[in-house]
PDB file of N, CA and C in Angstrom:
ATOM      1  N   MET A   1      48.848 -42.517  38.993  1.00  0.00           N
ATOM      2  CA  MET A   1      48.193 -42.971  37.783  1.00  0.00           C
ATOM      3  C   MET A   1      48.279 -44.494  37.713  1.00  0.00           C
ATOM      4  N   GLY A   2      47.198 -45.118  37.290  1.00  0.00           N
ATOM      5  CA  GLY A   2      47.149 -46.565  37.212  1.00  0.00           C
ATOM      6  C   GLY A   2      47.740 -47.089  35.916  1.00  0.00           C
ATOM      7  N   ARG A   3      47.541 -48.329  35.708  1.00  0.00           N
ATOM      8  CA  ARG A   3      48.045 -49.014  34.531  1.00  0.00           C
ATOM      9  C   ARG A   3      47.319 -48.542  33.268  1.00  0.00           C
ATOM     10  N   ILE A   4      48.066 -48.451  32.171  1.00  0.00           N
ATOM     11  CA  ILE A   4      47.518 -48.124  30.864  1.00  0.00           C
ATOM     12  C   ILE A   4      47.411 -49.439  30.082  1.00  0.00           C
ATOM     13  N   PHE A   5      46.258 -49.664  29.451  1.00  0.00           N
ATOM     14  CA  PHE A   5      45.993 -50.910  28.736  1.00  0.00           C
ATOM     15  C   PHE A   5      45.807 -50.667  27.246  1.00  0.00           C
ATOM     16  N   THR A   6      46.406 -51.520  26.436  1.00  0.00           N
ATOM     17  CA  THR A   6      45.996 -51.583  25.039  1.00  0.00           C
ATOM     18  C   THR A   6      44.664 -52.334  25.028  1.00  0.00           C
ATOM     19  N   LEU A   7      43.941 -52.250  23.940  1.00  0.00           N
ATOM     20  CA  LEU A   7      42.682 -52.987  23.845  1.00  0.00           C
ATOM     21  C   LEU A   7      42.946 -54.486  23.999  1.00  0.00           C
ATOM     22  N   GLU A   8      44.004 -54.971  23.414  1.00  0.00           N
ATOM     23  CA  GLU A   8      44.320 -56.406  23.502  1.00  0.00           C
ATOM     24  C   GLU A   8      44.630 -56.818  24.945  1.00  0.00           C
ATOM     25  N   GLN A   9      45.358 -55.992  25.674  1.00  0.00           N
ATOM     26  CA  GLN A   9      45.668 -56.294  27.079  1.00  0.00           C
ATOM     27  C   GLN A   9      44.403 -56.324  27.929  1.00  0.00           C
ATOM     28  N   ALA A  10      43.533 -55.353  27.715  1.00  0.00           N
ATOM     29  CA  ALA A  10      42.283 -55.305  28.472  1.00  0.00           C
ATOM     30  C   ALA A  10      41.410 -56.509  28.121  1.00  0.00           C
ATOM     31  N   ARG A  11      41.325 -56.822  26.841  1.00  0.00           N
ATOM     32  CA  ARG A  11      40.515 -57.977  26.418  1.00  0.00           C
ATOM     33  C   ARG A  11      41.059 -59.279  26.995  1.00  0.00           C
ATOM     34  N   ALA A  12      42.353 -59.370  27.183  1.00  0.00           N
ATOM     35  CA  ALA A  12      42.948 -60.584  27.745  1.00  0.00           C
ATOM     36  C   ALA A  12      42.480 -60.829  29.182  1.00  0.00           C
ATOM     37  N   LEU A  13      42.070 -59.780  29.878  1.00  0.00           N
ATOM     38  CA  LEU A  13      41.579 -59.918  31.258  1.00  0.00           C
ATOM     39  C   LEU A  13      40.087 -60.241  31.329  1.00  0.00           C
ATOM     40  N   MET A  14      39.395 -60.123  30.210  1.00  0.00           N
ATOM     41  CA  MET A  14      37.945 -60.275  30.230  1.00  0.00           C
ATOM     42  C   MET A  14      37.459 -61.649  30.685  1.00  0.00           C
ATOM     43  N   PRO A  15      38.131 -62.750  30.359  1.00  0.00           N
ATOM     44  CA  PRO A  15      37.662 -64.029  30.913  1.00  0.00           C
ATOM     45  C   PRO A  15      37.623 -64.017  32.450  1.00  0.00           C
ATOM     46  N   GLN A  16      38.621 -63.398  33.087  1.00  0.00           N
ATOM     47  CA  GLN A  16      38.627 -63.294  34.547  1.00  0.00           C
ATOM     48  C   GLN A  16      37.527 -62.357  35.036  1.00  0.00           C
ATOM     49  N   VAL A  17      37.366 -61.224  34.348  1.00  0.00           N
ATOM     50  CA  VAL A  17      36.336 -60.257  34.737  1.00  0.00           C
ATOM     51  C   VAL A  17      34.960 -60.917  34.672  1.00  0.00           C
ATOM     52  N   MET A  18      34.685 -61.599  33.584  1.00  0.00           N
ATOM     53  CA  MET A  18      33.369 -62.222  33.419  1.00  0.00           C
ATOM     54  C   MET A  18      33.174 -63.395  34.375  1.00  0.00           C
ATOM     55  N   ALA A  19      34.223 -64.201  34.557  1.00  0.00           N
ATOM     56  CA  ALA A  19      34.116 -65.355  35.457  1.00  0.00           C
ATOM     57  C   ALA A  19      33.887 -64.925  36.893  1.00  0.00           C
ATOM     58  N   THR A  20      34.396 -63.756  37.264  1.00  0.00           N
ATOM     59  CA  THR A  20      34.172 -63.217  38.603  1.00  0.00           C
ATOM     60  C   THR A  20      32.808 -62.560  38.703  1.00  0.00           C
ATOM     61  N   THR A  21      32.438 -61.796  37.697  1.00  0.00           N
ATOM     62  CA  THR A  21      31.228 -60.978  37.762  1.00  0.00           C
ATOM     63  C   THR A  21      29.948 -61.806  37.673  1.00  0.00           C
ATOM     64  N   GLU A  22      29.883 -62.766  36.786  1.00  0.00           N
ATOM     65  CA  GLU A  22      28.629 -63.487  36.575  1.00  0.00           C
ATOM     66  C   GLU A  22      28.080 -64.163  37.838  1.00  0.00           C
ATOM     67  N   PRO A  23      28.874 -64.952  38.564  1.00  0.00           N
ATOM     68  CA  PRO A  23      28.305 -65.568  39.774  1.00  0.00           C
ATOM     69  C   PRO A  23      27.991 -64.555  40.877  1.00  0.00           C
ATOM     70  N   VAL A  24      28.784 -63.500  40.965  1.00  0.00           N
ATOM     71  CA  VAL A  24      28.521 -62.465  41.972  1.00  0.00           C
ATOM     72  C   VAL A  24      27.219 -61.740  41.631  1.00  0.00           C
ATOM     73  N   TYR A  25      27.041 -61.420  40.365  1.00  0.00           N
ATOM     74  CA  TYR A  25      25.800 -60.774  39.917  1.00  0.00           C
ATOM     75  C   TYR A  25      24.593 -61.661  40.238  1.00  0.00           C
ATOM     76  N   THR A  26      24.700 -62.942  39.933  1.00  0.00           N
ATOM     77  CA  THR A  26      23.596 -63.879  40.178  1.00  0.00           C
ATOM     78  C   THR A  26      23.268 -63.958  41.664  1.00  0.00           C
ATOM     79  N   LEU A  27      24.280 -64.053  42.505  1.00  0.00           N
ATOM     80  CA  LEU A  27      24.061 -64.090  43.948  1.00  0.00           C
ATOM     81  C   LEU A  27      23.482 -62.770  44.444  1.00  0.00           C
ATOM     82  N   ALA A  28      23.991 -61.658  43.937  1.00  0.00           N
ATOM     83  CA  ALA A  28      23.475 -60.350  44.353  1.00  0.00           C
ATOM     84  C   ALA A  28      22.007 -60.196  43.968  1.00  0.00           C
ATOM     85  N   ALA A  29      21.634 -60.666  42.791  1.00  0.00           N
ATOM     86  CA  ALA A  29      20.230 -60.589  42.363  1.00  0.00           C
ATOM     87  C   ALA A  29      19.348 -61.422  43.290  1.00  0.00           C
ATOM     88  N   SER A  30      19.833 -62.587  43.691  1.00  0.00           N
ATOM     89  CA  SER A  30      19.081 -63.442  44.608  1.00  0.00           C
ATOM     90  C   SER A  30      18.939 -62.777  45.982  1.00  0.00           C
ATOM     91  N   LEU A  31      20.031 -62.206  46.470  1.00  0.00           N
ATOM     92  CA  LEU A  31      19.975 -61.518  47.764  1.00  0.00           C
ATOM     93  C   LEU A  31      19.051 -60.302  47.697  1.00  0.00           C
ATOM     94  N   ALA A  32      19.081 -59.587  46.589  1.00  0.00           N
ATOM     95  CA  ALA A  32      18.207 -58.414  46.431  1.00  0.00           C
ATOM     96  C   ALA A  32      16.744 -58.838  46.430  1.00  0.00           C
ATOM     97  N   GLU A  33      16.452 -59.972  45.829  1.00  0.00           N
ATOM     98  CA  GLU A  33      15.077 -60.483  45.840  1.00  0.00           C
ATOM     99  C   GLU A  33      14.652 -60.852  47.259  1.00  0.00           C
ATOM    100  N   GLU A  34      15.557 -61.517  47.981  1.00  0.00           N
ATOM    101  CA  GLU A  34      15.270 -61.855  49.381  1.00  0.00           C
ATOM    102  C   GLU A  34      15.079 -60.589  50.214  1.00  0.00           C
ATOM    103  N   LEU A  35      15.904 -59.580  49.949  1.00  0.00           N
ATOM    104  CA  LEU A  35      15.802 -58.313  50.674  1.00  0.00           C
ATOM    105  C   LEU A  35      14.454 -57.664  50.420  1.00  0.00           C
ATOM    106  N   SER A  36      14.024 -57.650  49.197  1.00  0.00           N
ATOM    107  CA  SER A  36      12.723 -57.077  48.860  1.00  0.00           C
ATOM    108  C   SER A  36      11.604 -57.790  49.620  1.00  0.00           C
ATOM    109  N   GLN A  37      11.692 -59.108  49.684  1.00  0.00           N
ATOM    110  CA  GLN A  37      10.675 -59.878  50.403  1.00  0.00           C
ATOM    111  C   GLN A  37      10.720 -59.578  51.901  1.00  0.00           C
ATOM    112  N   ALA A  38      11.927 -59.498  52.457  1.00  0.00           N
ATOM    113  CA  ALA A  38      12.061 -59.185  53.884  1.00  0.00           C
ATOM    114  C   ALA A  38      11.485 -57.802  54.189  1.00  0.00           C
ATOM    115  N   GLU A  39      11.730 -56.848  53.289  1.00  0.00           N
ATOM    116  CA  GLU A  39      11.176 -55.508  53.486  1.00  0.00           C
ATOM    117  C   GLU A  39       9.657 -55.529  53.367  1.00  0.00           C
ATOM    118  N   ASP A  40       9.132 -56.279  52.408  1.00  0.00           N
ATOM    119  CA  ASP A  40       7.679 -56.410  52.268  1.00  0.00           C
ATOM    120  C   ASP A  40       7.053 -57.026  53.512  1.00  0.00           C
ATOM    121  N   ASP A  41       7.802 -57.952  54.126  1.00  0.00           N
ATOM    122  CA  ASP A  41       7.314 -58.629  55.333  1.00  0.00           C
ATOM    123  C   ASP A  41       7.618 -57.842  56.608  1.00  0.00           C
ATOM    124  N   SER A  42       8.221 -56.677  56.464  1.00  0.00           N
ATOM    125  CA  SER A  42       8.630 -55.840  57.601  1.00  0.00           C
ATOM    126  C   SER A  42       9.549 -56.587  58.568  1.00  0.00           C
ATOM    127  N   ASP A  43      10.376 -57.472  58.026  1.00  0.00           N
ATOM    128  CA  ASP A  43      11.351 -58.223  58.818  1.00  0.00           C
ATOM    129  C   ASP A  43      12.672 -57.453  58.785  1.00  0.00           C
ATOM    130  N   GLU A  44      12.753 -56.439  59.649  1.00  0.00           N
ATOM    131  CA  GLU A  44      13.894 -55.526  59.609  1.00  0.00           C
ATOM    132  C   GLU A  44      15.205 -56.221  59.943  1.00  0.00           C
ATOM    133  N   ALA A  45      15.207 -57.164  60.849  1.00  0.00           N
ATOM    134  CA  ALA A  45      16.451 -57.866  61.198  1.00  0.00           C
ATOM    135  C   ALA A  45      16.981 -58.629  59.989  1.00  0.00           C
ATOM    136  N   ARG A  46      16.107 -59.333  59.318  1.00  0.00           N
ATOM    137  CA  ARG A  46      16.498 -60.086  58.108  1.00  0.00           C
ATOM    138  C   ARG A  46      16.931 -59.112  57.002  1.00  0.00           C
ATOM    139  N   ALA A  47      16.196 -58.031  56.839  1.00  0.00           N
ATOM    140  CA  ALA A  47      16.531 -57.044  55.817  1.00  0.00           C
ATOM    141  C   ALA A  47      17.919 -56.456  56.071  1.00  0.00           C
ATOM    142  N   GLU A  48      18.213 -56.124  57.311  1.00  0.00           N
ATOM    143  CA  GLU A  48      19.521 -55.554  57.629  1.00  0.00           C
ATOM    144  C   GLU A  48      20.632 -56.561  57.350  1.00  0.00           C
ATOM    145  N   ASP A  49      20.427 -57.812  57.705  1.00  0.00           N
ATOM    146  CA  ASP A  49      21.408 -58.861  57.418  1.00  0.00           C
ATOM    147  C   ASP A  49      21.650 -58.972  55.911  1.00  0.00           C
ATOM    148  N   LEU A  50      20.587 -58.937  55.141  1.00  0.00           N
ATOM    149  CA  LEU A  50      20.715 -59.046  53.690  1.00  0.00           C
ATOM    150  C   LEU A  50      21.405 -57.823  53.090  1.00  0.00           C
ATOM    151  N   ARG A  51      21.127 -56.640  53.617  1.00  0.00           N
ATOM    152  CA  ARG A  51      21.814 -55.430  53.149  1.00  0.00           C
ATOM    153  C   ARG A  51      23.322 -55.546  53.388  1.00  0.00           C
ATOM    154  N   GLU A  52      23.690 -56.031  54.566  1.00  0.00           N
ATOM    155  CA  GLU A  52      25.107 -56.199  54.895  1.00  0.00           C
ATOM    156  C   GLU A  52      25.755 -57.239  53.983  1.00  0.00           C
ATOM    157  N   ARG A  53      25.059 -58.328  53.728  1.00  0.00           N
ATOM    158  CA  ARG A  53      25.597 -59.362  52.836  1.00  0.00           C
ATOM    159  C   ARG A  53      25.774 -58.824  51.421  1.00  0.00           C
ATOM    160  N   LEU A  54      24.803 -58.048  50.950  1.00  0.00           N
ATOM    161  CA  LEU A  54      24.911 -57.447  49.618  1.00  0.00           C
ATOM    162  C   LEU A  54      26.094 -56.483  49.556  1.00  0.00           C
ATOM    163  N   GLN A  55      26.243 -55.660  50.567  1.00  0.00           N
ATOM    164  CA  GLN A  55      27.345 -54.700  50.595  1.00  0.00           C
ATOM    165  C   GLN A  55      28.689 -55.427  50.580  1.00  0.00           C
ATOM    166  N   THR A  56      28.817 -56.459  51.385  1.00  0.00           N
ATOM    167  CA  THR A  56      30.057 -57.229  51.430  1.00  0.00           C
ATOM    168  C   THR A  56      30.341 -57.891  50.085  1.00  0.00           C
ATOM    169  N   LEU A  57      29.314 -58.433  49.474  1.00  0.00           N
ATOM    170  CA  LEU A  57      29.460 -59.085  48.175  1.00  0.00           C
ATOM    171  C   LEU A  57      29.938 -58.094  47.117  1.00  0.00           C
ATOM    172  N   VAL A  58      29.310 -56.943  47.055  1.00  0.00           N
ATOM    173  CA  VAL A  58      29.680 -55.933  46.058  1.00  0.00           C
ATOM    174  C   VAL A  58      31.103 -55.419  46.326  1.00  0.00           C
ATOM    175  N   GLN A  59      31.443 -55.199  47.585  1.00  0.00           N
ATOM    176  CA  GLN A  59      32.793 -54.743  47.912  1.00  0.00           C
ATOM    177  C   GLN A  59      33.832 -55.793  47.509  1.00  0.00           C
ATOM    178  N   SER A  60      33.504 -57.054  47.688  1.00  0.00           N
ATOM    179  CA  SER A  60      34.407 -58.137  47.287  1.00  0.00           C
ATOM    180  C   SER A  60      34.608 -58.133  45.773  1.00  0.00           C
ATOM    181  N   TRP A  61      33.516 -57.937  45.035  1.00  0.00           N
ATOM    182  CA  TRP A  61      33.610 -57.863  43.572  1.00  0.00           C
ATOM    183  C   TRP A  61      34.474 -56.666  43.166  1.00  0.00           C
ATOM    184  N   GLN A  62      34.227 -55.508  43.786  1.00  0.00           N
ATOM    185  CA  GLN A  62      35.014 -54.309  43.472  1.00  0.00           C
ATOM    186  C   GLN A  62      36.502 -54.563  43.710  1.00  0.00           C
ATOM    187  N   GLN A  63      36.837 -55.204  44.808  1.00  0.00           N
ATOM    188  CA  GLN A  63      38.241 -55.487  45.115  1.00  0.00           C
ATOM    189  C   GLN A  63      38.829 -56.437  44.086  1.00  0.00           C
ATOM    190  N   SER A  64      38.062 -57.424  43.666  1.00  0.00           N
ATOM    191  CA  SER A  64      38.535 -58.350  42.627  1.00  0.00           C
ATOM    192  C   SER A  64      38.851 -57.616  41.333  1.00  0.00           C
ATOM    193  N   MET A  65      38.016 -56.651  40.975  1.00  0.00           N
ATOM    194  CA  MET A  65      38.260 -55.872  39.756  1.00  0.00           C
ATOM    195  C   MET A  65      39.497 -54.992  39.930  1.00  0.00           C
ATOM    196  N   GLN A  66      39.636 -54.379  41.092  1.00  0.00           N
ATOM    197  CA  GLN A  66      40.804 -53.536  41.357  1.00  0.00           C
ATOM    198  C   GLN A  66      42.083 -54.370  41.348  1.00  0.00           C
ATOM    199  N   ASP A  67      41.998 -55.606  41.813  1.00  0.00           N
ATOM    200  CA  ASP A  67      43.160 -56.493  41.794  1.00  0.00           C
ATOM    201  C   ASP A  67      43.611 -56.769  40.362  1.00  0.00           C
ATOM    202  N   LEU A  68      42.696 -56.688  39.404  1.00  0.00           N
ATOM    203  CA  LEU A  68      43.026 -56.840  37.985  1.00  0.00           C
ATOM    204  C   LEU A  68      43.469 -55.510  37.367  1.00  0.00           C
ATOM    205  N   GLU A  69      43.511 -54.467  38.178  1.00  0.00           N
ATOM    206  CA  GLU A  69      43.875 -53.104  37.787  1.00  0.00           C
ATOM    207  C   GLU A  69      42.814 -52.437  36.911  1.00  0.00           C
ATOM    208  N   ALA A  70      41.595 -52.947  36.992  1.00  0.00           N
ATOM    209  CA  ALA A  70      40.457 -52.315  36.331  1.00  0.00           C
ATOM    210  C   ALA A  70      39.882 -51.263  37.273  1.00  0.00           C
ATOM    211  N   GLU A  71      39.174 -50.309  36.701  1.00  0.00           N
ATOM    212  CA  GLU A  71      38.523 -49.271  37.498  1.00  0.00           C
ATOM    213  C   GLU A  71      37.025 -49.545  37.516  1.00  0.00           C
ATOM    214  N   VAL A  72      36.474 -49.680  38.709  1.00  0.00           N
ATOM    215  CA  VAL A  72      35.038 -49.883  38.858  1.00  0.00           C
ATOM    216  C   VAL A  72      34.373 -48.519  38.788  1.00  0.00           C
ATOM    217  N   LYS A  73      33.464 -48.352  37.829  1.00  0.00           N
ATOM    218  CA  LYS A  73      32.801 -47.068  37.621  1.00  0.00           C
ATOM    219  C   LYS A  73      31.333 -47.109  37.998  1.00  0.00           C
ATOM    220  N   GLY A  74      30.866 -48.262  38.402  1.00  0.00           N
ATOM    221  CA  GLY A  74      29.488 -48.440  38.813  1.00  0.00           C
ATOM    222  C   GLY A  74      29.253 -49.914  39.065  1.00  0.00           C
ATOM    223  N   LEU A  75      28.058 -50.231  39.452  1.00  0.00           N
ATOM    224  CA  LEU A  75      27.728 -51.621  39.726  1.00  0.00           C
ATOM    225  C   LEU A  75      27.770 -52.405  38.424  1.00  0.00           C
ATOM    226  N   TRP A  76      28.663 -53.374  38.367  1.00  0.00           N
ATOM    227  CA  TRP A  76      28.861 -54.261  37.208  1.00  0.00           C
ATOM    228  C   TRP A  76      29.388 -53.492  35.993  1.00  0.00           C
ATOM    229  N   LEU A  77      30.082 -52.382  36.230  1.00  0.00           N
ATOM    230  CA  LEU A  77      30.634 -51.540  35.170  1.00  0.00           C
ATOM    231  C   LEU A  77      32.127 -51.353  35.430  1.00  0.00           C
ATOM    232  N   VAL A  78      32.936 -51.749  34.447  1.00  0.00           N
ATOM    233  CA  VAL A  78      34.383 -51.760  34.605  1.00  0.00           C
ATOM    234  C   VAL A  78      35.033 -51.025  33.447  1.00  0.00           C
ATOM    235  N   ASP A  79      36.022 -50.192  33.766  1.00  0.00           N
ATOM    236  CA  ASP A  79      36.798 -49.489  32.762  1.00  0.00           C
ATOM    237  C   ASP A  79      38.270 -49.855  32.890  1.00  0.00           C
ATOM    238  N   PHE A  80      38.962 -49.815  31.741  1.00  0.00           N
ATOM    239  CA  PHE A  80      40.408 -50.002  31.679  1.00  0.00           C
ATOM    240  C   PHE A  80      40.979 -48.755  31.023  1.00  0.00           C
ATOM    241  N   ASP A  81      41.924 -48.113  31.679  1.00  0.00           N
ATOM    242  CA  ASP A  81      42.508 -46.870  31.183  1.00  0.00           C
ATOM    243  C   ASP A  81      43.317 -47.134  29.918  1.00  0.00           C
ATOM    244  N   SER A  82      42.990 -46.425  28.837  1.00  0.00           N
ATOM    245  CA  SER A  82      43.701 -46.591  27.570  1.00  0.00           C
ATOM    246  C   SER A  82      44.796 -45.539  27.383  1.00  0.00           C
ATOM    247  N   GLY A  83      44.896 -44.603  28.322  1.00  0.00           N
ATOM    248  CA  GLY A  83      45.860 -43.518  28.191  1.00  0.00           C
ATOM    249  C   GLY A  83      45.243 -42.274  27.576  1.00  0.00           C
ATOM    250  N   TYR A  84      44.083 -42.426  26.963  1.00  0.00           N
ATOM    251  CA  TYR A  84      43.378 -41.288  26.352  1.00  0.00           C
ATOM    252  C   TYR A  84      41.863 -41.444  26.487  1.00  0.00           C
ATOM    253  N   GLY A  85      41.455 -42.295  27.397  1.00  0.00           N
ATOM    254  CA  GLY A  85      40.054 -42.600  27.659  1.00  0.00           C
ATOM    255  C   GLY A  85      39.986 -43.982  28.286  1.00  0.00           C
ATOM    256  N   TYR A  86      38.832 -44.599  28.188  1.00  0.00           N
ATOM    257  CA  TYR A  86      38.648 -45.905  28.822  1.00  0.00           C
ATOM    258  C   TYR A  86      38.042 -46.924  27.866  1.00  0.00           C
ATOM    259  N   TRP A  87      38.567 -48.143  27.927  1.00  0.00           N
ATOM    260  CA  TRP A  87      37.883 -49.299  27.363  1.00  0.00           C
ATOM    261  C   TRP A  87      36.801 -49.622  28.383  1.00  0.00           C
ATOM    262  N   CYS A  88      35.589 -49.818  27.945  1.00  0.00           N
ATOM    263  CA  CYS A  88      34.445 -49.866  28.857  1.00  0.00           C
ATOM    264  C   CYS A  88      33.650 -51.162  28.685  1.00  0.00           C
ATOM    265  N   TRP A  89      33.330 -51.807  29.811  1.00  0.00           N
ATOM    266  CA  TRP A  89      32.547 -53.038  29.804  1.00  0.00           C
ATOM    267  C   TRP A  89      31.498 -52.978  30.897  1.00  0.00           C
ATOM    268  N   ALA A  90      30.310 -53.476  30.590  1.00  0.00           N
ATOM    269  CA  ALA A  90      29.231 -53.568  31.580  1.00  0.00           C
ATOM    270  C   ALA A  90      28.587 -54.942  31.474  1.00  0.00           C
ATOM    271  N   TYR A  91      28.361 -55.557  32.615  1.00  0.00           N
ATOM    272  CA  TYR A  91      27.673 -56.843  32.630  1.00  0.00           C
ATOM    273  C   TYR A  91      26.239 -56.636  32.152  1.00  0.00           C
ATOM    274  N   PRO A  92      25.717 -57.467  31.269  1.00  0.00           N
ATOM    275  CA  PRO A  92      26.135 -58.798  30.829  1.00  0.00           C
ATOM    276  C   PRO A  92      26.786 -58.833  29.445  1.00  0.00           C
ATOM    277  N   GLU A  93      27.446 -57.763  29.025  1.00  0.00           N
ATOM    278  CA  GLU A  93      28.096 -57.790  27.719  1.00  0.00           C
ATOM    279  C   GLU A  93      29.058 -58.971  27.636  1.00  0.00           C
ATOM    280  N   THR A  94      29.181 -59.534  26.460  1.00  0.00           N
ATOM    281  CA  THR A  94      29.998 -60.740  26.291  1.00  0.00           C
ATOM    282  C   THR A  94      31.420 -60.441  25.848  1.00  0.00           C
ATOM    283  N   GLU A  95      31.703 -59.178  25.542  1.00  0.00           N
ATOM    284  CA  GLU A  95      33.065 -58.811  25.175  1.00  0.00           C
ATOM    285  C   GLU A  95      33.327 -57.353  25.518  1.00  0.00           C
ATOM    286  N   LEU A  96      34.598 -57.008  25.538  1.00  0.00           N
ATOM    287  CA  LEU A  96      35.010 -55.627  25.751  1.00  0.00           C
ATOM    288  C   LEU A  96      35.050 -54.978  24.380  1.00  0.00           C
ATOM    289  N   GLY A  97      34.064 -54.152  24.087  1.00  0.00           N
ATOM    290  CA  GLY A  97      33.953 -53.615  22.751  1.00  0.00           C
ATOM    291  C   GLY A  97      33.664 -52.130  22.676  1.00  0.00           C
ATOM    292  N   HIS A  98      33.786 -51.402  23.791  1.00  0.00           N
ATOM    293  CA  HIS A  98      33.455 -49.980  23.782  1.00  0.00           C
ATOM    294  C   HIS A  98      34.585 -49.151  24.375  1.00  0.00           C
ATOM    295  N   TRP A  99      34.551 -47.871  24.041  1.00  0.00           N
ATOM    296  CA  TRP A  99      35.516 -46.900  24.525  1.00  0.00           C
ATOM    297  C   TRP A  99      34.774 -45.599  24.818  1.00  0.00           C
ATOM    298  N   HIS A 100      35.248 -44.847  25.801  1.00  0.00           N
ATOM    299  CA  HIS A 100      34.742 -43.486  26.020  1.00  0.00           C
ATOM    300  C   HIS A 100      35.862 -42.617  26.558  1.00  0.00           C
ATOM    301  N   SER A 101      35.711 -41.308  26.338  1.00  0.00           N
ATOM    302  CA  SER A 101      36.723 -40.358  26.796  1.00  0.00           C
ATOM    303  C   SER A 101      36.702 -40.272  28.322  1.00  0.00           C
ATOM    304  N   TYR A 102      37.731 -39.669  28.872  1.00  0.00           N
ATOM    305  CA  TYR A 102      37.776 -39.460  30.319  1.00  0.00           C
ATOM    306  C   TYR A 102      36.603 -38.608  30.779  1.00  0.00           C
ATOM    307  N   GLU A 103      36.249 -37.612  30.003  1.00  0.00           N
ATOM    308  CA  GLU A 103      35.184 -36.692  30.383  1.00  0.00           C
ATOM    309  C   GLU A 103      33.798 -37.245  30.089  1.00  0.00           C
ATOM    310  N   GLY A 104      33.679 -38.058  29.055  1.00  0.00           N
ATOM    311  CA  GLY A 104      32.377 -38.458  28.541  1.00  0.00           C
ATOM    312  C   GLY A 104      31.607 -39.448  29.379  1.00  0.00           C
ATOM    313  N   GLY A 105      32.263 -40.412  29.916  1.00  0.00           N
ATOM    314  CA  GLY A 105      31.585 -41.421  30.714  1.00  0.00           C
ATOM    315  C   GLY A 105      30.791 -42.427  29.889  1.00  0.00           C
ATOM    316  N   PHE A 106      30.120 -43.305  30.593  1.00  0.00           N
ATOM    317  CA  PHE A 106      29.422 -44.449  29.995  1.00  0.00           C
ATOM    318  C   PHE A 106      28.465 -44.037  28.885  1.00  0.00           C
ATOM    319  N   ARG A 107      27.711 -42.985  29.095  1.00  0.00           N
ATOM    320  CA  ARG A 107      26.693 -42.588  28.114  1.00  0.00           C
ATOM    321  C   ARG A 107      27.283 -42.116  26.791  1.00  0.00           C
ATOM    322  N   SER A 108      28.556 -41.767  26.798  1.00  0.00           N
ATOM    323  CA  SER A 108      29.175 -41.282  25.566  1.00  0.00           C
ATOM    324  C   SER A 108      30.016 -42.354  24.873  1.00  0.00           C
ATOM    325  N   ARG A 109      29.946 -43.571  25.358  1.00  0.00           N
ATOM    326  CA  ARG A 109      30.818 -44.590  24.793  1.00  0.00           C
ATOM    327  C   ARG A 109      30.442 -44.925  23.357  1.00  0.00           C
ATOM    328  N   VAL A 110      31.455 -45.356  22.623  1.00  0.00           N
ATOM    329  CA  VAL A 110      31.303 -45.716  21.220  1.00  0.00           C
ATOM    330  C   VAL A 110      31.971 -47.075  21.022  1.00  0.00           C
ATOM    331  N   PRO A 111      31.626 -47.781  19.932  1.00  0.00           N
ATOM    332  CA  PRO A 111      32.365 -49.010  19.649  1.00  0.00           C
ATOM    333  C   PRO A 111      33.866 -48.718  19.586  1.00  0.00           C
ATOM    334  N   ALA A 112      34.667 -49.629  20.104  1.00  0.00           N
ATOM    335  CA  ALA A 112      36.103 -49.406  20.208  1.00  0.00           C
ATOM    336  C   ALA A 112      36.730 -49.044  18.869  1.00  0.00           C
ATOM    337  N   ASP A 113      36.252 -49.626  17.792  1.00  0.00           N
ATOM    338  CA  ASP A 113      36.834 -49.338  16.484  1.00  0.00           C
ATOM    339  C   ASP A 113      36.351 -48.009  15.896  1.00  0.00           C
ATOM    340  N   GLN A 114      35.478 -47.299  16.607  1.00  0.00           N
ATOM    341  CA  GLN A 114      35.009 -45.987  16.158  1.00  0.00           C
ATOM    342  C   GLN A 114      35.492 -44.853  17.057  1.00  0.00           C
ATOM    343  N   ARG A 115      36.410 -45.157  17.962  1.00  0.00           N
ATOM    344  CA  ARG A 115      36.924 -44.109  18.853  1.00  0.00           C
ATOM    345  C   ARG A 115      37.706 -43.083  18.039  1.00  0.00           C
ATOM    346  N   PRO A 116      37.826 -41.875  18.554  1.00  0.00           N
ATOM    347  CA  PRO A 116      38.565 -40.824  17.828  1.00  0.00           C
ATOM    348  C   PRO A 116      39.994 -41.260  17.531  1.00  0.00           C
ATOM    349  N   GLY A 117      40.463 -40.890  16.366  1.00  0.00           N
ATOM    350  CA  GLY A 117      41.836 -41.197  15.989  1.00  0.00           C
ATOM    351  C   GLY A 117      42.000 -42.516  15.264  1.00  0.00           C
ATOM    352  N   VAL A 118      40.930 -43.282  15.118  1.00  0.00           N
ATOM    353  CA  VAL A 118      41.011 -44.563  14.415  1.00  0.00           C
ATOM    354  C   VAL A 118      40.562 -44.356  12.990  1.00  0.00           C
ATOM    355  N   GLN A 119      41.388 -44.762  12.053  1.00  0.00           N
ATOM    356  CA  GLN A 119      41.057 -44.630  10.631  1.00  0.00           C
ATOM    357  C   GLN A 119      40.197 -45.802  10.195  1.00  0.00           C
ATOM    358  N   ALA A 120      39.134 -45.518   9.461  1.00  0.00           N
ATOM    359  CA  ALA A 120      38.244 -46.574   8.978  1.00  0.00           C
ATOM    360  C   ALA A 120      38.816 -47.271   7.770  1.00  0.00           C
TER     361      ALA A 120
END
């Protein structure tokens, strides 16, 4: 079992998460555009090189998130285990403000202050 985070602990890591994710996302978008053009031009050698670069870039981002003890649940989607679900963040959100159960996943997330067990 990995690290359990309070909302405050997870939020404290968000400057690092965002500072890592934003430039990687921007570079990945640029590489994906180049890849699309290479595929349109039937330049398979260039396309393969770009696919490899994209894969390496994404794997590097995933490792950076894991080094912060976050769980990567998808491309640009990071969860922090709360002990009873996950604090959930997806790029380009500007803050960590959602939660979802272990079973529910991203589509079932709710604002963190509306998670089950929180009194209004």
